């Protein structure tokens, strides 16, 4: 595969990502993108096929606006050296781009985009709701022991018995840069980290964290946030009493109640997320949870 100096090849414009190379395919005689072509190393073929099959199955269960909010997969090709995934192109600005334009009214735009995103997640997770997974009491105690030093006052009501939490299909990288606002409706991009059997609430917490990070940028370098940066943000949008934390908690409670999650389940999910952000090595932050719930619970 050959790339010229101006990053063009056979009518495609090159866009580089962490794990792949993406081309914007252009229509003939029109300077408009018609599709995306994502190029992966062939070693990821089995995983890619699994993800594409899962996404197709999920789309079959969705209908109406929810189905339209997921880009269509147009094809898969094994070139012998690379795997190419053809995906419907979605025009429009991402929430990250829109927030940058409205930085002087950051909290107002955050409230609007948090409302749109949490509503989409609630709808998507209700459609992909699965049988509950039991979180053992000893695992809950382990999580509490690990994170209580940092946020002990938040978890007075931690249960001392097993807790059943419904599993859902998760996006896995639900951040403002992966969400496009098109004609006032949400379109969710980049499903590379999706998983069939995941925990609810984690996608929403990831969105909140990344939106706050895009505003304050306490950490200038690195893809993953350090534990210190993460705790600073968590204190800002959840621990400290403020209009921001009140808004975040209200939206989290609304999302949780829409899935039938009570206070016990919410607290356990917060424990899982805090442990993930504070202790899991950077390179394993996604992979540990992408492998499914059972590996984490054992």
Protein backbone atom coordinates (compact mmCIF):
# COMPACT_ATOMS: atom_id res chain seq x y z
CA UNK A 1 0.00 0.00 0.00
CA UNK A 2 1.50 3.30 -1.11
CA UNK A 3 0.80 6.76 0.31
CA UNK A 4 1.90 9.85 -1.60
CA UNK A 5 3.30 12.93 0.10
CA UNK A 6 -0.02 14.75 0.01
CA UNK A 7 -1.73 11.80 1.75
CA UNK A 8 -3.82 10.83 -1.29
CA UNK A 9 -4.16 7.42 -2.85
CA UNK A 10 -6.52 6.36 -5.62
CA UNK A 11 -9.00 9.11 -4.84
CA UNK A 12 -8.94 8.59 -1.08
CA UNK A 13 -7.91 11.08 1.55
CA UNK A 14 -5.92 9.60 4.40
CA UNK A 15 -6.91 9.97 8.05
CA UNK A 16 -4.83 8.28 10.73
CA UNK A 17 -6.16 6.81 13.93
CA UNK A 18 -4.49 4.96 16.79
CA UNK A 19 -5.37 1.45 15.63
CA UNK A 20 -6.21 1.92 11.98
CA UNK A 21 -5.97 4.04 8.85
CA UNK A 22 -9.21 5.57 7.55
CA UNK A 23 -9.88 6.77 4.02
CA UNK A 24 -12.69 9.06 3.01
CA UNK A 25 -13.99 7.71 -0.29
CA UNK A 26 -15.26 10.39 -2.67
CA UNK A 27 -18.08 10.14 -5.18
CA UNK A 28 -17.09 10.56 -8.80
CA UNK A 29 -17.62 14.10 -10.14
CA UNK A 30 -18.61 15.27 -6.66
CA UNK A 31 -16.30 16.53 -3.95
CA UNK A 32 -18.37 14.80 -1.28
CA UNK A 33 -17.44 11.79 0.86
CA UNK A 34 -19.62 8.76 0.10
CA UNK A 35 -18.19 6.20 2.52
CA UNK A 36 -15.39 5.44 4.95
CA UNK A 37 -12.82 2.74 4.33
CA UNK A 38 -11.09 1.59 7.51
CA UNK A 39 -7.86 -0.34 7.00
CA UNK A 40 -6.64 -2.74 9.70
CA UNK A 41 -3.78 -5.16 9.99
CA UNK A 42 -4.88 -8.65 8.92
CA UNK A 43 -4.03 -10.03 12.37
CA UNK A 44 -7.29 -8.44 13.58
CA UNK A 45 -9.47 -10.24 11.02
CA UNK A 46 -11.22 -12.62 13.43
CA UNK A 47 -11.93 -9.84 15.94
CA UNK A 48 -13.22 -7.52 13.22
CA UNK A 49 -15.56 -10.15 11.82
CA UNK A 50 -16.88 -10.83 15.31
CA UNK A 51 -17.50 -7.13 15.93
CA UNK A 52 -19.21 -6.65 12.56
CA UNK A 53 -21.47 -9.64 13.14
CA UNK A 54 -22.40 -8.32 16.57
CA UNK A 55 -23.14 -4.86 15.19
CA UNK A 56 -25.35 -6.34 12.46
CA UNK A 57 -27.24 -8.36 15.07
CA UNK A 58 -27.73 -5.26 17.20
CA UNK A 59 -29.02 -3.25 14.25
CA UNK A 60 -31.62 -5.96 13.57
CA UNK A 61 -33.05 -5.39 17.05
CA UNK A 62 -33.15 -1.60 16.60
CA UNK A 63 -35.72 0.33 14.61
CA UNK A 64 -36.61 3.86 13.61
CA UNK A 65 -34.38 6.69 14.88
CA UNK A 66 -32.24 4.31 16.95
CA UNK A 67 -31.35 2.23 13.90
CA UNK A 68 -30.61 5.38 11.90
CA UNK A 69 -28.20 6.51 14.62
CA UNK A 70 -25.74 3.69 13.82
CA UNK A 71 -23.76 3.96 10.53
CA UNK A 72 -24.41 1.06 8.16
CA UNK A 73 -21.65 -1.42 7.45
CA UNK A 74 -21.30 -1.60 3.66
CA UNK A 75 -18.77 -4.40 3.29
CA UNK A 76 -15.70 -6.29 4.48
CA UNK A 77 -12.70 -7.26 2.32
CA UNK A 78 -9.63 -9.34 3.14
CA UNK A 79 -6.94 -8.07 0.76
CA UNK A 80 -4.39 -10.66 1.86
CA UNK A 81 -2.33 -8.16 3.81
CA UNK A 82 -4.97 -5.86 5.23
CA UNK A 83 -8.62 -6.03 6.22
CA UNK A 84 -10.83 -3.27 4.86
CA UNK A 85 -14.14 -2.30 6.44
CA UNK A 86 -16.50 -0.16 4.35
CA UNK A 87 -18.83 2.02 6.39
CA UNK A 88 -21.51 4.58 5.63
CA UNK A 89 -20.17 8.13 5.83
CA UNK A 90 -21.94 10.47 8.27
CA UNK A 91 -21.74 14.21 7.67
CA UNK A 92 -22.06 16.74 10.46
CA UNK A 93 -20.11 18.08 13.42
CA UNK A 94 -19.16 15.97 16.40
CA UNK A 95 -20.21 17.06 19.88
CA UNK A 96 -16.53 17.70 20.63
CA UNK A 97 -16.33 20.15 17.71
CA UNK A 98 -19.59 21.85 18.65
CA UNK A 99 -18.47 22.22 22.27
CA UNK A 100 -15.26 23.92 21.14
CA UNK A 101 -17.30 26.52 19.26
CA UNK A 102 -19.45 27.15 22.32
CA UNK A 103 -16.66 27.22 24.90
CA UNK A 104 -17.94 30.47 26.43
CA UNK A 105 -21.24 28.71 27.18
CA UNK A 106 -19.64 25.41 28.15
CA UNK A 107 -22.02 24.33 30.93
CA UNK A 108 -25.10 25.13 28.86
CA UNK A 109 -23.83 23.11 25.89
CA UNK A 110 -22.78 20.30 28.25
CA UNK A 111 -26.31 20.13 29.64
CA UNK A 112 -27.75 19.94 26.13
CA UNK A 113 -25.34 17.29 24.85
CA UNK A 114 -25.50 15.26 28.06
CA UNK A 115 -29.27 15.15 27.69
CA UNK A 116 -29.09 13.99 24.08
CA UNK A 117 -26.39 11.39 24.77
CA UNK A 118 -27.95 9.94 27.92
CA UNK A 119 -31.31 9.64 26.14
CA UNK A 120 -29.65 7.78 23.26
CA UNK A 121 -27.78 5.47 25.64
CA UNK A 122 -30.91 4.70 27.64
CA UNK A 123 -32.77 3.82 24.44
CA UNK A 124 -29.90 1.71 23.09
CA UNK A 125 -29.27 -0.13 26.35
CA UNK A 126 -32.96 -0.90 26.86
CA UNK A 127 -33.00 -2.46 23.38
CA UNK A 128 -29.92 -4.58 24.13
CA UNK A 129 -30.83 -5.50 27.71
CA UNK A 130 -29.69 -9.01 28.67
CA UNK A 131 -29.96 -11.39 31.61
CA UNK A 132 -28.54 -10.01 34.88
CA UNK A 133 -24.97 -10.82 35.85
CA UNK A 134 -24.32 -11.42 39.53
CA UNK A 135 -21.60 -9.30 41.10
CA UNK A 136 -20.32 -11.41 44.06
CA UNK A 137 -20.14 -9.81 47.50
CA UNK A 138 -16.41 -10.53 47.77
CA UNK A 139 -15.76 -8.72 44.48
CA UNK A 140 -17.77 -5.72 45.69
CA UNK A 141 -15.77 -5.70 48.94
CA UNK A 142 -12.54 -5.87 46.94
CA UNK A 143 -13.57 -2.89 44.79
CA UNK A 144 -14.64 -0.87 47.80
CA UNK A 145 -11.36 -1.59 49.56
CA UNK A 146 -9.46 -0.38 46.51
CA UNK A 147 -11.26 2.92 45.94
CA UNK A 148 -12.60 3.90 49.38
CA UNK A 149 -9.38 5.73 50.26
CA UNK A 150 -10.17 8.24 47.50
CA UNK A 151 -13.96 8.54 47.74
CA UNK A 152 -15.01 6.89 51.00
CA UNK A 153 -17.84 9.35 51.72
CA UNK A 154 -19.67 8.43 48.50
CA UNK A 155 -20.31 4.79 49.33
CA UNK A 156 -21.96 4.63 52.72
CA UNK A 157 -24.62 2.28 51.37
CA UNK A 158 -22.41 -0.32 49.74
CA UNK A 159 -24.18 -3.71 49.85
CA UNK A 160 -22.57 -6.63 51.66
CA UNK A 161 -24.26 -9.28 49.56
CA UNK A 162 -24.36 -10.26 45.89
CA UNK A 163 -25.86 -7.74 43.49
CA UNK A 164 -27.48 -8.65 40.17
CA UNK A 165 -26.87 -6.12 37.39
CA UNK A 166 -28.44 -6.42 33.94
CA UNK A 167 -25.90 -6.73 31.14
CA UNK A 168 -26.15 -4.53 28.05
CA UNK A 169 -24.32 -4.16 24.76
CA UNK A 170 -21.81 -1.33 25.19
CA UNK A 171 -20.23 1.05 22.71
CA UNK A 172 -16.93 1.03 24.61
CA UNK A 173 -15.64 4.46 23.50
CA UNK A 174 -18.64 6.72 23.97
CA UNK A 175 -16.96 10.12 23.89
CA UNK A 176 -18.03 13.47 22.34
CA UNK A 177 -15.59 13.02 19.44
CA UNK A 178 -17.45 9.84 18.41
CA UNK A 179 -20.92 11.39 18.41
CA UNK A 180 -22.22 13.44 15.48
CA UNK A 181 -25.20 15.76 15.69
CA UNK A 182 -27.04 15.50 12.38
CA UNK A 183 -30.31 17.37 11.88
CA UNK A 184 -30.70 17.59 15.65
CA UNK A 185 -30.29 13.83 16.12
CA UNK A 186 -27.41 11.76 17.49
CA UNK A 187 -25.34 9.47 15.26
CA UNK A 188 -22.77 7.32 17.08
CA UNK A 189 -19.50 6.49 15.30
CA UNK A 190 -16.49 4.21 15.88
CA UNK A 191 -17.78 0.90 17.22
CA UNK A 192 -14.36 -0.76 17.36
CA UNK A 193 -14.49 -1.26 21.15
CA UNK A 194 -18.08 -2.47 21.36
CA UNK A 195 -18.90 -5.57 23.39
CA UNK A 196 -21.94 -7.79 23.57
CA UNK A 197 -22.08 -8.31 27.33
CA UNK A 198 -21.03 -5.18 29.19
CA UNK A 199 -22.06 -3.17 32.22
CA UNK A 200 -24.56 -0.31 32.01
CA UNK A 201 -23.64 3.24 33.05
CA UNK A 202 -19.95 2.96 32.03
CA UNK A 203 -20.60 4.45 28.57
CA UNK A 204 -22.37 7.43 30.13
CA UNK A 205 -19.62 7.99 32.69
CA UNK A 206 -17.03 7.89 29.91
CA UNK A 207 -18.95 10.55 28.00
CA UNK A 208 -19.13 12.83 31.05
CA UNK A 209 -15.44 12.40 31.85
CA UNK A 210 -14.28 13.10 28.30
CA UNK A 211 -16.52 16.15 27.94
CA UNK A 212 -15.12 17.62 31.14
CA UNK A 213 -11.58 16.81 30.01
CA UNK A 214 -12.15 18.59 26.68
CA UNK A 215 -13.07 21.73 28.62
CA UNK A 216 -10.37 21.85 31.31
CA UNK A 217 -7.43 19.90 29.83
CA UNK A 218 -5.66 19.34 33.13
CA UNK A 219 -3.53 16.76 31.35
CA UNK A 220 -1.92 17.96 28.13
CA UNK A 221 -0.36 14.75 26.85
CA UNK A 222 -1.33 11.10 26.54
CA UNK A 223 -4.44 9.28 25.38
CA UNK A 224 -5.26 7.92 28.84
CA UNK A 225 -5.81 10.06 31.89
CA UNK A 226 -3.52 9.62 34.87
CA UNK A 227 -5.19 8.63 38.17
CA UNK A 228 -4.44 12.12 39.52
CA UNK A 229 -6.11 13.84 36.56
CA UNK A 230 -9.06 11.49 36.69
CA UNK A 231 -9.64 12.15 40.41
CA UNK A 232 -9.47 15.90 39.82
CA UNK A 233 -12.20 15.63 37.19
CA UNK A 234 -14.30 13.22 39.25
CA UNK A 235 -14.15 15.60 42.19
CA UNK A 236 -15.20 18.44 39.89
CA UNK A 237 -18.24 16.83 38.27
CA UNK A 238 -19.40 14.39 40.97
CA UNK A 239 -17.95 14.85 44.46
CA UNK A 240 -17.98 18.61 44.93
CA UNK A 241 -21.36 20.24 45.60
CA UNK A 242 -22.08 22.44 42.59
CA UNK A 243 -24.62 23.00 39.85
CA UNK A 244 -22.43 20.84 37.59
CA UNK A 245 -22.37 17.85 39.93
CA UNK A 246 -26.10 18.22 40.61
CA UNK A 247 -26.81 18.11 36.89
CA UNK A 248 -24.55 15.08 36.37
CA UNK A 249 -26.08 13.13 39.27
CA UNK A 250 -29.59 13.97 38.11
CA UNK A 251 -28.85 12.63 34.62
CA UNK A 252 -27.11 9.51 35.97
CA UNK A 253 -30.09 8.80 38.24
CA UNK A 254 -32.50 9.30 35.33
CA UNK A 255 -30.52 6.95 33.11
CA UNK A 256 -30.24 4.33 35.86
CA UNK A 257 -33.95 4.44 36.70
CA UNK A 258 -34.83 4.03 33.01
CA UNK A 259 -32.98 0.68 33.14
CA UNK A 260 -34.45 -0.30 36.50
CA UNK A 261 -31.20 0.23 38.40
CA UNK A 262 -31.51 1.22 42.06
CA UNK A 263 -29.02 2.92 44.37
CA UNK A 264 -27.21 -0.33 45.17
CA UNK A 265 -26.64 -1.12 41.51
CA UNK A 266 -25.52 2.44 40.75
CA UNK A 267 -22.99 2.37 43.58
CA UNK A 268 -21.55 -0.94 42.42
CA UNK A 269 -21.22 0.34 38.86
CA UNK A 270 -19.47 3.46 40.13
CA UNK A 271 -17.06 1.23 42.07
CA UNK A 272 -16.27 -0.75 38.93
CA UNK A 273 -15.65 2.40 36.91
CA UNK A 274 -13.47 4.01 39.59
CA UNK A 275 -11.40 0.85 39.86
CA UNK A 276 -11.02 0.75 36.09
CA UNK A 277 -9.81 4.35 35.93
CA UNK A 278 -7.51 4.16 38.95
CA UNK A 279 -5.88 0.75 38.70
CA UNK A 280 -6.07 -0.92 35.30
CA UNK A 281 -2.91 -0.42 33.25
CA UNK A 282 -3.27 1.98 30.34
CA UNK A 283 -2.90 -0.66 27.65
CA UNK A 284 -5.58 -2.81 29.35
CA UNK A 285 -8.14 -0.11 30.09
CA UNK A 286 -10.33 -1.13 27.17
CA UNK A 287 -9.30 -4.73 26.60
CA UNK A 288 -10.08 -5.94 30.14
CA UNK A 289 -13.70 -4.87 29.80
CA UNK A 290 -13.98 -5.70 26.10
CA UNK A 291 -13.36 -9.36 26.90
CA UNK A 292 -16.73 -9.55 28.65
CA UNK A 293 -18.07 -9.56 32.15
CA UNK A 294 -17.25 -13.10 33.20
CA UNK A 295 -13.49 -12.57 32.98
CA UNK A 296 -13.80 -9.49 35.17
CA UNK A 297 -16.07 -11.11 37.74
CA UNK A 298 -13.90 -14.20 38.28
